Amino acid sequence: MTLLVNFLYTKDIVLFPICFLVFFFIIRAKANNQKEERLKKLYYQAFYFKVVCVILFTLISQFYFKGGDTNLYYQATKDLRAAIADNQDNIWTIIRTDKLTINHPLTTYFYYDNFEQDITYNYMISASNFLPGKLALLPSLLFGNSYICINMFFGFFALGGAIRLFKTFYYFYPRLWRHLAVACLFLPGVAFWSAALLKDPITFGCIGFILYALIQIIFRKQKIAVSVIWILICCYLLFNIKIYILLVLALSLVVWFFAEFNKSIKEKVLRYIFTALTFAGSAVVGYLLLNYLTSLDAAREYKLDTLLNSAETQRRGYEIINQTLQGDSHFTINAGNPVLLFFGSIVATFFRPFIWEINTPIALLSAFESAVFLFLTLYVIFKRGLIRFFTVSFSDGRILMCFIFAFVFAFAVGSSTANFGALSRYKIPCTPFYLLFLLLLYNKKELPLPRWFERIVDFAVPLKKTSK
């Protein structure tokens, strides 16, 4: 496969500073709306960190990556621009198009774009693949098809979701604001892989927007109309790009809201009874919800009764591809036994690659995060025991929501992925939730965090520079 995409041009020297200023003024306006000085400074710090990640990803795309999804999305955007250049009416055709077919009027622009084996067309016959290139058309038109500016657009949306994810938990735990900021804003792997023209910035951003919109509606009871609009937009994007994220998020939220209602019951015996009913009801509602949504054509592959059956087949396909194209970056887990598959998927998602499995500079990001997760997990299990590690979640709806989202999502991506490079991208929605789960678990059990982790927090969010 020959990829003829070049990502950096001389015009980027002029366009990127303009793009930077546009988003800087937006973040400044948002920061100035914050009443707390520490939050204002946190906005700027998170923005600058995201800009660094965008620049790094762009440079790595140019000088290190050999092909990949971002190439095809960028080429698709160029093909759409070519269609508009030929006929302005194609704008409306693009808006109405969900995916390509062999007889579609836009197909010729993708079919003959100098990629060997018609790979752009074949990739865009999927609605989930067509949408990122379609969304990139707006920043492409605004910033002269500059790849780094398109990355800034996608990265800024992900940053908006990350900030809202932070504000969701900050509403409940303001005392833990620095630790929450590390989990939501400054995880290096998450920030890096959500800083480019990919599906992942879109899906990660949508999670944050949905959660914060629900906080606005249910708890704060303000900006309800705007919040509903954000929920509808983000649910649409998740449904069309990666529906399994929407399914896992829906299940987690159902359990959370059941648990929140349970807390309002004053009578102790009734609360215990309702707790049991909560878990039974959540399981039933979650099962019915997942099976209803997965009855639709776009999501049948994620039906609960077919997921385990397809995991082995998916992994074998990934292993063949990754051994051929990406060498030693693939890994294996036992996919024949459901218990071992679940355990292996969780370990792969949260705790791997191990140090001895690192074979590329990019893998260092995932390895660093995985080491932090592993040591924090082992420490709390050593101090409070393995049983309490799992059971304490059931005493707090927010911790339980993080637990369910993190573990179910980790199983979903870990069981169907056999390459650390791909897994480092696919897992970014659940890694903040796993760290949030650990932080809230430490807080719930009144267990001091290890000193080495506090040093990480001091480095990422210096107290003296960000406090009032």
Protein backbone atom coordinates (compact mmCIF):
# COMPACT_ATOMS: atom_id res chain seq x y z
CA MET A 1 0.00 0.00 0.00
CA THR A 2 1.42 3.37 -1.03
CA LEU A 3 0.38 6.39 1.01
CA LEU A 4 1.10 9.65 -0.78
CA VAL A 5 -0.03 11.94 2.02
CA ASN A 6 2.28 14.72 3.14
CA PHE A 7 1.28 16.32 6.42
CA LEU A 8 3.45 19.42 6.67
CA TYR A 9 3.69 22.29 4.21
CA THR A 10 5.26 25.74 4.19
CA LYS A 11 1.81 27.32 4.62
CA ASP A 12 1.52 25.68 8.05
CA ILE A 13 4.08 28.17 9.37
CA VAL A 14 1.44 30.86 8.85
CA LEU A 15 -1.77 28.88 9.37
CA PHE A 16 -0.91 27.16 12.64
CA PRO A 17 -0.29 30.38 14.62
CA ILE A 18 -3.64 31.70 13.37
CA CYS A 19 -5.33 28.45 14.38
CA PHE A 20 -3.61 28.56 17.76
CA LEU A 21 -4.87 32.11 18.41
CA VAL A 22 -8.44 31.17 17.48
CA PHE A 23 -8.54 28.35 20.02
CA PHE A 24 -6.56 30.35 22.57
CA PHE A 25 -9.18 33.10 22.57
CA ILE A 26 -11.91 30.46 22.98
CA ILE A 27 -10.16 28.86 25.95
CA ARG A 28 -9.45 32.28 27.44
CA ALA A 29 -13.14 33.17 27.28
CA LYS A 30 -14.04 29.87 28.93
CA ALA A 31 -11.37 30.32 31.60
CA ASN A 32 -12.53 33.85 32.41
CA ASN A 33 -16.01 32.49 33.10
CA GLN A 34 -14.64 30.41 35.99
CA LYS A 35 -15.06 31.95 39.43
CA GLU A 36 -12.14 30.09 41.00
CA GLU A 37 -8.65 31.23 40.09
CA ARG A 38 -7.26 27.70 40.28
CA LEU A 39 -9.70 26.55 37.63
CA LYS A 40 -8.80 29.46 35.34
CA LYS A 41 -5.14 28.50 35.42
CA LEU A 42 -6.01 24.85 34.96
CA TYR A 43 -7.80 25.69 31.71
CA TYR A 44 -4.67 27.33 30.32
CA GLN A 45 -2.40 24.54 31.52
CA ALA A 46 -4.59 21.86 29.94
CA PHE A 47 -4.77 23.85 26.69
CA TYR A 48 -1.00 24.26 26.41
CA PHE A 49 -0.51 20.57 27.15
CA LYS A 50 -2.96 19.67 24.39
CA VAL A 51 -1.18 21.97 21.93
CA VAL A 52 2.10 20.20 22.67
CA CYS A 53 0.42 16.85 22.04
CA VAL A 54 -1.01 18.10 18.73
CA ILE A 55 2.41 19.26 17.56
CA LEU A 56 4.05 15.99 18.63
CA PHE A 57 1.41 13.88 16.91
CA THR A 58 1.73 15.90 13.72
CA LEU A 59 5.52 15.55 13.68
CA ILE A 60 5.35 11.86 14.44
CA SER A 61 2.77 11.38 11.68
CA GLN A 62 5.15 13.06 9.25
CA PHE A 63 8.40 11.38 10.25
CA TYR A 64 7.57 8.12 12.06
CA PHE A 65 4.19 6.54 11.27
CA LYS A 66 4.01 4.44 8.11
CA GLY A 67 0.39 4.69 7.09
CA GLY A 68 -2.52 4.46 9.48
CA ASP A 69 -6.06 5.66 9.95
CA THR A 70 -5.17 9.34 10.17
CA ASN A 71 -3.69 9.18 6.64
CA LEU A 72 -6.92 7.83 5.25
CA TYR A 73 -9.13 10.34 7.06
CA TYR A 74 -6.91 13.16 5.83
CA GLN A 75 -7.02 11.82 2.28
CA ALA A 76 -10.79 11.48 2.53
CA THR A 77 -11.03 15.14 3.53
CA LYS A 78 -8.92 16.10 0.52
CA ASP A 79 -11.20 14.03 -1.70
CA LEU A 80 -14.26 15.80 -0.32
CA ARG A 81 -12.62 19.17 -0.97
CA ALA A 82 -11.96 18.08 -4.54
CA ALA A 83 -15.64 17.23 -4.93
CA ILE A 84 -16.65 20.68 -3.66
CA ALA A 85 -14.12 22.37 -5.93
CA ASP A 86 -15.73 20.66 -8.93
CA ASN A 87 -19.29 21.48 -7.89
CA GLN A 88 -20.47 23.59 -4.96
CA ASP A 89 -23.69 21.56 -4.81
CA ASN A 90 -21.62 18.61 -3.60
CA ILE A 91 -21.63 20.27 -0.16
CA TRP A 92 -25.24 19.18 0.30
CA THR A 93 -24.45 15.74 -1.09
CA ILE A 94 -21.68 15.38 1.49
CA ILE A 95 -23.97 16.48 4.33
CA ARG A 96 -26.57 13.87 3.35
CA THR A 97 -24.02 11.07 2.85
CA ASP A 98 -23.37 8.54 5.63
CA LYS A 99 -21.05 6.25 3.70
CA LEU A 100 -19.89 5.47 0.19
CA THR A 101 -21.38 2.95 -2.20
CA ILE A 102 -20.10 1.92 -5.61
CA ASN A 103 -22.76 4.02 -7.37
CA HIS A 104 -22.54 7.07 -5.12
CA PRO A 105 -21.76 10.35 -6.96
CA LEU A 106 -18.78 11.02 -4.64
CA THR A 107 -17.21 7.60 -5.16
CA THR A 108 -15.06 8.60 -8.13
CA TYR A 109 -13.19 11.17 -6.01
CA PHE A 110 -12.17 8.44 -3.55
CA TYR A 111 -11.69 5.67 -6.09
CA TYR A 112 -9.07 7.50 -8.16
CA ASP A 113 -7.06 9.45 -5.56
CA ASN A 114 -3.67 7.75 -6.20
CA PHE A 115 -3.87 5.31 -3.29
CA GLU A 116 -3.07 1.80 -4.40
CA GLN A 117 -5.78 -0.87 -4.33
CA ASP A 118 -8.52 1.80 -4.01
CA ILE A 119 -7.96 1.75 -0.26
CA THR A 120 -9.60 5.12 0.46
CA TYR A 121 -12.86 4.06 -1.16
CA ASN A 122 -12.83 0.65 0.54
CA TYR A 123 -12.24 2.31 3.90
CA MET A 124 -15.05 4.84 3.43
CA ILE A 125 -17.79 2.32 2.68
CA SER A 126 -18.13 2.15 6.46
CA ALA A 127 -20.19 4.93 8.04
CA SER A 128 -17.93 5.03 11.11
CA ASN A 129 -14.89 5.66 8.88
CA PHE A 130 -16.59 8.20 6.63
CA LEU A 131 -17.69 10.47 9.48
CA PRO A 132 -14.24 11.65 10.75
CA GLY A 133 -13.19 12.80 7.29
CA LYS A 134 -16.55 14.46 6.87
CA LEU A 135 -16.20 16.30 10.20
CA ALA A 136 -12.66 17.35 9.26
CA LEU A 137 -14.03 19.18 6.23
CA LEU A 138 -14.97 22.25 8.31
CA PRO A 139 -11.49 22.96 9.76
CA SER A 140 -10.01 21.98 6.40
CA LEU A 141 -11.98 24.74 4.67
CA LEU A 142 -11.24 27.25 7.43
CA PHE A 143 -7.50 26.57 7.60
CA GLY A 144 -6.49 25.71 4.05
CA ASN A 145 -6.48 21.94 4.53
CA SER A 146 -3.67 22.24 7.08
CA TYR A 147 -3.27 18.86 8.77
CA ILE A 148 -1.92 20.33 11.99
CA CYS A 149 -4.86 22.75 12.17
CA ILE A 150 -7.31 19.89 11.61
CA ASN A 151 -5.57 18.06 14.45
CA MET A 152 -6.01 21.15 16.63
CA PHE A 153 -9.74 21.15 15.84
CA PHE A 154 -10.16 17.51 16.86
CA GLY A 155 -7.83 17.87 19.83
CA PHE A 156 -9.71 20.92 21.07
CA PHE A 157 -13.00 19.01 20.99
CA ALA A 158 -11.37 16.24 23.02
CA LEU A 159 -10.02 18.87 25.42
CA GLY A 160 -13.52 20.28 25.83
CA GLY A 161 -14.78 16.83 26.77
CA ALA A 162 -11.85 16.26 29.13
CA ILE A 163 -12.52 19.54 30.92
CA ARG A 164 -16.17 18.63 31.30
CA LEU A 165 -15.23 15.18 32.60
CA PHE A 166 -13.04 16.92 35.18
CA LYS A 167 -15.83 19.35 36.11
CA THR A 168 -18.27 16.44 36.49
CA PHE A 169 -16.22 14.89 39.28
CA TYR A 170 -15.05 18.25 40.61
CA TYR A 171 -18.69 19.01 41.37
CA PHE A 172 -18.72 16.10 43.83
CA TYR A 173 -15.09 16.11 45.01
CA PRO A 174 -13.69 19.68 44.92
CA ARG A 175 -11.05 18.80 47.54
CA LEU A 176 -9.49 16.30 45.11
CA TRP A 177 -9.26 18.79 42.26
CA ARG A 178 -5.54 18.33 41.54
CA HIS A 179 -5.80 14.54 41.46
CA LEU A 180 -8.93 14.70 39.31
CA ALA A 181 -7.09 17.00 36.92
CA VAL A 182 -4.32 14.42 36.49
CA ALA A 183 -6.88 11.71 35.71
CA CYS A 184 -8.99 13.77 33.30
CA LEU A 185 -6.57 16.25 31.72
CA PHE A 186 -2.94 15.16 32.01
CA LEU A 187 -2.68 11.45 31.29
CA PRO A 188 -0.03 11.52 28.53
CA GLY A 189 -1.36 8.61 26.48
CA VAL A 190 -4.91 9.92 26.53
CA ALA A 191 -3.85 13.47 25.67
CA PHE A 192 -1.61 12.26 22.83
CA TRP A 193 -4.03 9.89 21.13
CA SER A 194 -6.90 12.38 21.41
CA ALA A 195 -4.93 15.10 19.62
CA ALA A 196 -5.33 14.18 15.96
CA LEU A 197 -7.63 13.44 13.06
CA LEU A 198 -8.92 10.14 14.41
CA LYS A 199 -12.14 8.69 15.81
CA ASP A 200 -10.73 8.69 19.33
CA PRO A 201 -10.80 12.47 20.02
CA ILE A 202 -14.44 12.54 18.94
CA THR A 203 -15.55 9.63 21.11
CA PHE A 204 -13.50 10.71 24.13
CA GLY A 205 -14.83 14.25 23.91
CA CYS A 206 -18.41 13.00 23.60
CA ILE A 207 -18.16 11.08 26.88
CA GLY A 208 -17.16 14.20 28.78
CA PHE A 209 -19.86 16.34 27.16
CA ILE A 210 -22.58 13.78 27.93
CA LEU A 211 -21.59 13.34 31.57
CA TYR A 212 -21.34 17.06 32.28
CA ALA A 213 -24.63 17.72 30.50
CA LEU A 214 -26.30 15.18 32.77
CA ILE A 215 -24.79 16.89 35.81
CA GLN A 216 -26.21 20.19 34.58
CA ILE A 217 -29.68 18.71 34.09
CA ILE A 218 -30.03 16.40 37.09
CA PHE A 219 -27.96 17.98 39.85
CA ARG A 220 -27.36 21.64 39.02
CA LYS A 221 -30.65 22.10 37.14
CA GLN A 222 -29.32 24.76 34.80
CA LYS A 223 -28.63 25.16 31.06
CA ILE A 224 -31.04 22.32 30.42
CA ALA A 225 -31.81 23.09 26.77
CA VAL A 226 -28.15 23.41 25.79
CA SER A 227 -27.30 20.27 27.75
CA VAL A 228 -30.00 18.26 25.98
CA ILE A 229 -28.66 19.41 22.62
CA TRP A 230 -25.13 18.33 23.58
CA ILE A 231 -26.42 14.93 24.70
CA LEU A 232 -28.26 14.39 21.41
CA ILE A 233 -25.28 15.47 19.29
CA CYS A 234 -22.79 13.34 21.21
CA CYS A 235 -25.06 10.28 21.29
CA TYR A 236 -25.44 10.60 17.52
CA LEU A 237 -21.67 10.75 17.08
CA LEU A 238 -21.02 7.80 19.38
CA PHE A 239 -23.77 5.73 17.75
CA ASN A 240 -22.30 6.27 14.30
CA ILE A 241 -18.60 6.04 15.16
CA LYS A 242 -18.20 3.53 18.01
CA ILE A 243 -21.52 2.36 19.33
CA TYR A 244 -20.00 0.08 21.95
CA ILE A 245 -18.82 3.18 23.82
CA LEU A 246 -22.40 4.44 23.94
CA LEU A 247 -23.59 1.04 25.15
CA VAL A 248 -21.06 0.81 27.98
CA LEU A 249 -21.69 4.43 28.98
CA ALA A 250 -25.45 3.86 29.02
CA LEU A 251 -25.09 0.80 31.23
CA SER A 252 -22.79 2.66 33.65
CA LEU A 253 -25.16 5.61 33.92
CA VAL A 254 -28.18 3.38 34.56
CA VAL A 255 -26.38 1.80 37.52
CA TRP A 256 -25.20 5.20 38.81
CA PHE A 257 -28.66 6.75 38.82
CA PHE A 258 -30.17 3.70 40.49
CA ALA A 259 -27.53 4.01 43.20
CA GLU A 260 -28.12 7.76 43.62
CA PHE A 261 -31.82 7.14 44.17
CA ASN A 262 -30.95 4.46 46.71
CA LYS A 263 -29.01 7.03 48.79
CA SER A 264 -32.17 9.11 49.22
CA ILE A 265 -33.87 6.32 51.21
CA LYS A 266 -33.51 7.06 54.93
CA GLU A 267 -34.74 3.77 56.42
CA LYS A 268 -31.78 1.42 56.76
CA VAL A 269 -33.65 -1.83 56.12
CA LEU A 270 -35.43 -0.41 53.10
CA ARG A 271 -32.13 0.90 51.78
CA TYR A 272 -30.60 -2.57 51.99
CA ILE A 273 -33.59 -4.06 50.24
CA PHE A 274 -33.48 -1.44 47.53
CA THR A 275 -29.73 -1.97 47.16
CA ALA A 276 -30.38 -5.58 46.23
CA LEU A 277 -33.15 -4.49 43.91
CA THR A 278 -30.84 -1.85 42.46
CA PHE A 279 -28.31 -4.39 41.26
CA ALA A 280 -30.98 -6.77 40.01
CA GLY A 281 -32.83 -3.94 38.28
CA SER A 282 -29.65 -2.48 36.84
CA ALA A 283 -28.69 -5.85 35.41
CA VAL A 284 -32.13 -6.29 33.84
CA VAL A 285 -32.34 -2.73 32.51
CA GLY A 286 -28.77 -2.86 31.24
CA TYR A 287 -29.40 -6.18 29.50
CA LEU A 288 -32.61 -4.97 27.88
CA LEU A 289 -31.02 -1.66 26.88
CA LEU A 290 -27.99 -3.29 25.31
CA ASN A 291 -30.04 -5.89 23.48
CA TYR A 292 -32.51 -3.28 22.21
CA LEU A 293 -29.78 -1.03 20.89
CA THR A 294 -27.79 -3.92 19.47
CA SER A 295 -30.83 -5.19 17.60
CA LEU A 296 -30.18 -2.37 15.16
CA ASP A 297 -28.04 -3.08 12.09
CA ALA A 298 -25.21 -0.78 13.21
CA ALA A 299 -24.67 -2.69 16.44
CA ARG A 300 -25.56 -6.33 15.96
CA GLU A 301 -21.93 -7.39 16.34
CA TYR A 302 -22.05 -6.15 19.95
CA LYS A 303 -25.00 -8.27 21.04
CA LEU A 304 -24.27 -9.89 24.38
CA ASP A 305 -24.92 -13.39 23.09
CA THR A 306 -22.44 -13.03 20.21
CA LEU A 307 -19.62 -11.01 21.78
CA LEU A 308 -17.78 -13.96 23.34
CA ASN A 309 -18.25 -16.09 20.23
CA SER A 310 -16.68 -13.43 18.01
CA ALA A 311 -13.78 -12.47 20.31
CA GLU A 312 -11.60 -15.42 19.29
CA THR A 313 -12.19 -14.83 15.57
CA GLN A 314 -11.49 -11.10 15.88
CA ARG A 315 -8.27 -11.65 17.79
CA ARG A 316 -6.97 -14.21 15.29
CA GLY A 317 -7.57 -11.74 12.48
CA TYR A 318 -5.81 -8.95 14.37
CA GLU A 319 -2.87 -11.20 15.18
CA ILE A 320 -2.35 -12.15 11.55
CA ILE A 321 -2.49 -8.50 10.46
CA ASN A 322 -0.26 -7.23 13.25
CA GLN A 323 2.36 -9.95 12.84
CA THR A 324 2.53 -9.05 9.15
CA LEU A 325 2.55 -5.26 9.44
CA GLN A 326 3.69 -4.35 12.94
CA GLY A 327 6.05 -7.11 14.04
CA ASP A 328 6.49 -7.71 17.73
CA SER A 329 3.87 -5.25 18.98
CA HIS A 330 1.16 -7.90 19.05
CA PHE A 331 0.22 -9.84 22.18
CA THR A 332 -1.86 -12.89 22.98
CA ILE A 333 -4.35 -13.83 25.69
CA ASN A 334 -6.43 -16.96 26.25
CA ALA A 335 -9.65 -16.26 24.39
CA GLY A 336 -11.11 -19.75 24.69
CA ASN A 337 -12.11 -19.56 28.36
CA PRO A 338 -14.49 -16.67 29.22
CA VAL A 339 -12.96 -16.18 32.68
CA LEU A 340 -9.40 -16.12 31.38
CA LEU A 341 -10.49 -13.92 28.48
CA PHE A 342 -11.99 -11.38 30.89
CA PHE A 343 -8.98 -11.42 33.22
CA GLY A 344 -6.48 -11.24 30.34
CA SER A 345 -8.38 -8.40 28.70
CA ILE A 346 -8.39 -6.33 31.90
CA VAL A 347 -4.69 -6.92 32.48
CA ALA A 348 -3.82 -6.07 28.88
CA THR A 349 -5.86 -2.88 28.91
CA PHE A 350 -4.81 -1.41 32.25
CA PHE A 351 -1.44 -2.98 33.12
CA ARG A 352 0.31 -3.74 29.83
CA PRO A 353 2.64 -3.25 28.08
CA PHE A 354 5.07 -4.23 30.82
CA ILE A 355 8.58 -2.78 30.77
CA TRP A 356 10.01 -5.78 28.90
CA GLU A 357 7.28 -5.49 26.25
CA ILE A 358 8.23 -1.96 25.14
CA ASN A 359 9.62 -1.96 21.60
CA THR A 360 8.78 1.53 20.32
CA PRO A 361 9.08 5.06 21.75
CA ILE A 362 5.31 5.49 21.47
CA ALA A 363 4.79 2.49 23.74
CA LEU A 364 6.50 4.40 26.56
CA LEU A 365 3.33 6.48 27.06
CA SER A 366 1.17 3.42 27.61
CA ALA A 367 3.86 1.70 29.68
CA PHE A 368 4.12 4.69 32.01
CA GLU A 369 0.37 4.86 32.56
CA SER A 370 0.15 1.08 32.96
CA ALA A 371 2.89 1.09 35.60
CA VAL A 372 1.11 3.83 37.56
CA PHE A 373 -2.18 1.90 37.42
CA LEU A 374 -0.51 -1.35 38.44
CA PHE A 375 1.33 0.07 41.45
CA LEU A 376 -1.71 2.04 42.66
CA THR A 377 -3.86 -1.09 42.32
CA LEU A 378 -1.42 -3.36 44.13
CA TYR A 379 -0.93 -0.80 46.90
CA VAL A 380 -4.63 -0.44 47.69
CA ILE A 381 -5.13 -4.23 47.54
CA PHE A 382 -2.16 -4.70 49.90
CA LYS A 383 -3.51 -2.09 52.35
CA ARG A 384 -7.24 -2.87 52.22
CA GLY A 385 -7.50 -6.36 50.76
CA LEU A 386 -8.67 -7.80 47.45
CA ILE A 387 -12.30 -8.22 48.52
CA ARG A 388 -12.68 -4.61 49.60
CA PHE A 389 -11.07 -3.47 46.36
CA PHE A 390 -14.17 -4.71 44.55
CA THR A 391 -16.91 -4.45 47.19
CA VAL A 392 -16.30 -0.83 48.24
CA SER A 393 -17.60 0.29 44.85
CA PHE A 394 -21.10 -0.85 45.75
CA SER A 395 -21.29 1.69 48.57
CA ASP A 396 -20.92 4.69 46.27
CA GLY A 397 -22.77 5.17 42.99
CA ARG A 398 -20.09 7.35 41.42
CA ILE A 399 -17.32 4.89 42.21
CA LEU A 400 -19.51 2.08 40.91
CA MET A 401 -20.13 3.97 37.67
CA CYS A 402 -16.38 4.42 37.13
CA PHE A 403 -15.79 0.76 38.00
CA ILE A 404 -18.40 -0.56 35.56
CA PHE A 405 -17.40 1.74 32.71
CA ALA A 406 -13.69 1.04 33.16
CA PHE A 407 -13.92 -2.74 33.47
CA VAL A 408 -16.62 -3.41 30.87
CA PHE A 409 -14.90 -1.11 28.38
CA ALA A 410 -11.51 -2.67 29.12
CA PHE A 411 -12.95 -6.11 28.44
CA ALA A 412 -14.55 -4.92 25.19
CA VAL A 413 -11.35 -3.48 23.71
CA GLY A 414 -8.87 -5.86 25.32
CA SER A 415 -10.68 -8.96 24.11
CA SER A 416 -10.82 -7.84 20.49
CA THR A 417 -7.39 -6.20 20.10
CA ALA A 418 -4.06 -7.97 19.74
CA ASN A 419 -1.69 -5.05 19.23
CA PHE A 420 -0.37 -2.64 21.88
CA GLY A 421 -0.30 0.27 19.44
CA ALA A 422 -3.97 -0.13 18.57
CA LEU A 423 -4.92 -0.86 22.17
CA SER A 424 -3.22 2.33 23.39
CA ARG A 425 -5.69 4.24 21.19
CA TYR A 426 -8.79 2.20 21.78
CA LYS A 427 -8.49 2.25 25.57
CA ILE A 428 -8.24 6.03 26.10
CA PRO A 429 -11.93 6.44 27.07
CA CYS A 430 -11.59 3.98 29.98
CA THR A 431 -8.13 4.84 31.39
CA PRO A 432 -9.27 8.13 33.00
CA PHE A 433 -12.20 6.27 34.54
CA TYR A 434 -9.95 3.59 35.97
CA LEU A 435 -7.69 6.20 37.55
CA LEU A 436 -10.77 8.04 38.83
CA PHE A 437 -12.00 4.77 40.28
CA LEU A 438 -8.68 4.29 42.09
CA LEU A 439 -8.56 7.88 43.37
CA LEU A 440 -12.11 7.75 44.69
CA LEU A 441 -11.42 4.35 46.20
CA TYR A 442 -8.42 5.73 48.10
CA ASN A 443 -10.53 8.68 49.20
CA LYS A 444 -13.44 6.47 50.31
CA LYS A 445 -11.20 4.20 52.38
CA GLU A 446 -9.25 7.20 53.75
CA LEU A 447 -6.03 5.66 52.45
CA PRO A 448 -3.21 8.14 51.71
CA LEU A 449 -1.90 7.97 48.18
CA PRO A 450 1.72 6.80 47.76
CA ARG A 451 4.29 9.57 47.93
CA TRP A 452 5.58 8.82 44.43
CA PHE A 453 2.08 9.43 43.02
CA GLU A 454 1.77 12.69 44.96
CA ARG A 455 5.01 13.79 43.29
CA ILE A 456 3.41 13.09 39.91
CA VAL A 457 0.45 15.23 40.93
CA ASP A 458 2.79 18.01 42.13
CA PHE A 459 4.59 17.91 38.78
CA ALA A 460 1.41 17.90 36.65
CA VAL A 461 -0.58 20.40 38.74
CA PRO A 462 1.82 22.44 40.91
CA LEU A 463 -0.06 23.58 43.99
CA LYS A 464 1.74 26.89 44.44
CA LYS A 465 1.11 27.97 40.87
CA THR A 466 -2.55 26.98 40.63
CA SER A 467 -4.03 27.74 44.05
CA LYS A 468 -5.58 31.02 45.13
